Protein backbone atom coordinates (compact mmCIF):
# COMPACT_ATOMS: atom_id res chain seq x y z
CA MET A 1 31.61 29.39 -11.27
CA ALA A 2 29.15 26.84 -13.07
CA PRO A 3 27.56 23.86 -10.87
CA GLN A 4 29.22 20.94 -10.85
CA MET A 5 27.43 18.39 -13.34
CA ILE A 6 27.13 14.38 -12.90
CA PHE A 7 27.18 12.24 -15.32
CA VAL A 8 26.31 8.42 -15.18
CA ASN A 9 27.24 6.00 -17.72
CA LEU A 10 25.70 3.35 -17.92
CA PRO A 11 25.97 0.13 -20.83
CA VAL A 12 22.26 -0.79 -22.35
CA THR A 13 22.09 -3.10 -25.11
CA SER A 14 19.28 -1.25 -26.56
CA VAL A 15 19.58 2.58 -26.62
CA GLU A 16 16.35 3.38 -28.44
CA ALA A 17 14.50 0.55 -25.69
CA SER A 18 16.32 2.26 -22.87
CA LYS A 19 15.83 5.86 -24.22
CA ALA A 20 11.94 4.83 -24.49
CA PHE A 21 11.75 3.60 -20.95
CA PHE A 22 13.09 7.01 -19.23
CA SER A 23 10.49 8.88 -21.15
CA LYS A 24 7.82 7.19 -20.13
CA ILE A 25 9.39 7.48 -16.24
CA GLY A 26 9.37 11.54 -17.07
CA PHE A 27 12.76 11.85 -18.39
CA SER A 28 14.11 13.68 -21.57
CA SER A 29 17.25 13.08 -23.99
CA ASN A 30 19.53 15.91 -24.85
CA PRO A 31 20.09 15.38 -28.40
CA HIS A 32 22.92 17.03 -28.69
CA PHE A 33 24.86 14.47 -26.57
CA SER A 34 23.04 11.22 -28.54
CA ASP A 35 23.26 9.35 -31.31
CA GLU A 36 22.56 5.99 -32.50
CA THR A 37 24.35 4.18 -29.87
CA THR A 38 24.07 6.88 -27.01
CA ALA A 39 21.28 8.53 -25.46
CA CYS A 40 21.95 11.43 -22.79
CA VAL A 41 19.31 11.25 -20.12
CA VAL A 42 18.28 14.59 -18.62
CA ILE A 43 17.32 14.05 -15.30
CA SER A 44 17.85 17.52 -13.58
CA ASP A 45 20.13 20.68 -14.68
CA THR A 46 23.18 18.83 -13.41
CA ILE A 47 22.37 15.15 -13.78
CA PHE A 48 22.42 13.22 -16.44
CA ALA A 49 22.66 8.97 -17.37
CA MET A 50 24.43 8.28 -20.28
CA LEU A 51 22.94 5.35 -21.86
CA LEU A 52 25.76 3.99 -24.35
CA GLU A 53 25.22 0.34 -26.49
CA GLU A 54 27.46 -2.08 -24.94
CA PRO A 55 30.11 -2.27 -27.79
CA LYS A 56 30.34 1.60 -27.28
CA PHE A 57 30.57 1.43 -23.35
CA GLN A 58 33.18 -1.08 -23.93
CA SER A 59 35.40 1.17 -25.87
CA PHE A 60 35.79 3.52 -22.75
CA MET A 61 36.49 1.05 -20.24
CA ALA A 62 40.15 0.33 -19.34
CA PRO A 63 41.65 -3.13 -21.27
CA GLY A 64 40.94 -6.30 -19.72
CA LYS A 65 38.05 -4.84 -18.00
CA GLU A 66 34.45 -6.50 -18.45
CA ILE A 67 30.49 -5.33 -18.64
CA PRO A 68 29.53 -6.76 -15.83
CA ASP A 69 25.53 -8.37 -15.98
CA ALA A 70 23.67 -6.05 -14.04
CA THR A 71 20.55 -8.51 -13.73
CA LYS A 72 23.42 -10.92 -11.87
CA THR A 73 25.51 -8.43 -9.95
CA THR A 74 25.04 -4.27 -8.66
CA GLU A 75 28.20 -2.51 -9.39
CA VAL A 76 26.50 1.10 -8.64
CA MET A 77 22.96 2.14 -7.00
CA VAL A 78 21.92 5.23 -8.77
CA THR A 79 20.06 7.21 -6.20
CA LEU A 80 18.03 10.68 -6.72
CA SER A 81 16.30 12.64 -4.54
CA ALA A 82 12.26 13.20 -4.97
CA GLU A 83 10.66 16.77 -3.62
CA SER A 84 7.85 14.37 -1.91
CA ARG A 85 6.60 10.84 -1.00
CA ALA A 86 3.65 11.68 -4.05
CA GLU A 87 6.63 12.33 -6.32
CA VAL A 88 9.07 8.63 -5.15
CA ASP A 89 5.75 7.13 -5.92
CA ARG A 90 5.05 8.25 -9.21
CA LEU A 91 8.73 7.52 -10.80
CA ALA A 92 8.61 4.24 -9.41
CA ASP A 93 5.21 3.44 -9.96
CA ALA A 94 6.23 4.97 -13.83
CA ALA A 95 9.20 2.91 -14.08
CA LEU A 96 7.53 -0.21 -13.48
CA ALA A 97 4.73 0.64 -15.97
CA ALA A 98 7.65 0.95 -18.41
CA GLY A 99 8.93 -2.26 -18.04
CA GLY A 100 11.31 -1.99 -15.01
CA GLY A 101 11.64 -4.09 -12.26
CA PRO A 102 10.87 -3.99 -8.53
CA ALA A 103 14.60 -3.78 -6.71
CA LYS A 104 13.47 -4.10 -2.99
CA ASP A 105 10.64 -3.21 -0.76
CA PRO A 106 9.74 0.36 -0.32
CA MET A 107 11.28 1.91 3.22
CA ASP A 108 8.85 4.00 5.45
CA LEU A 109 10.72 5.27 8.40
CA GLY A 110 8.47 8.23 9.18
CA HIS A 111 11.03 10.91 7.83
CA MET A 112 12.30 9.46 5.13
CA TYR A 113 10.53 7.05 2.44
CA GLY A 114 12.13 5.59 -0.52
CA ARG A 115 11.57 3.11 -3.46
CA SER A 116 13.51 0.88 -5.92
CA PHE A 117 13.31 -0.05 -9.33
CA THR A 118 15.90 -1.54 -12.06
CA ASP A 119 15.65 -0.37 -15.77
CA LEU A 120 15.48 -2.59 -18.73
CA ASP A 121 19.36 -3.89 -18.27
CA GLY A 122 19.35 -4.67 -14.74
CA HIS A 123 20.87 -1.05 -13.13
CA HIS A 124 19.83 -0.66 -9.86
CA TRP A 125 17.88 2.77 -9.15
CA GLU A 126 16.92 4.33 -5.87
CA VAL A 127 14.30 7.43 -5.36
CA PHE A 128 14.03 9.21 -1.92
CA TRP A 129 12.35 11.72 0.12
CA MET A 130 13.56 13.37 3.19
CA ASP A 131 11.77 15.73 5.31
CA PRO A 132 14.06 18.87 5.54
CA ALA A 133 12.48 19.40 9.04
CA ALA A 134 14.29 16.33 10.14
CA VAL A 135 17.50 17.31 8.37
CA PRO A 136 19.90 18.23 11.12
CA GLU A 137 21.40 21.36 10.91
CA GLY A 138 25.36 21.09 10.10
């Protein structure tokens, strides 16, 4: 059985600007699932962000719904794990350098460390690392 994949669909004002932003923070695009109004950003082998220009995103929505302004409201927080504290910092710092904004203060609990940022359209992204030794066995 193939591993389950996740495709997070997000509305963007400019697919080219958003694709450049995510490229600057270290993610590639899959050209087979991208066009002039859509970019498929590859986060991992099983996680993808589908960036759709607002009119295209609207075409997939239920009738009567509106696209929220992510700079004024938070409908979703996209959270990614990282393999180390250094990787958390690298990704968050790269996002800020690429034009993203800070979302909230860093979280440091010793065994868990996280930072957050907003992308060019205001979508909230979290990146965290957790010490594997601190994870309870279940």
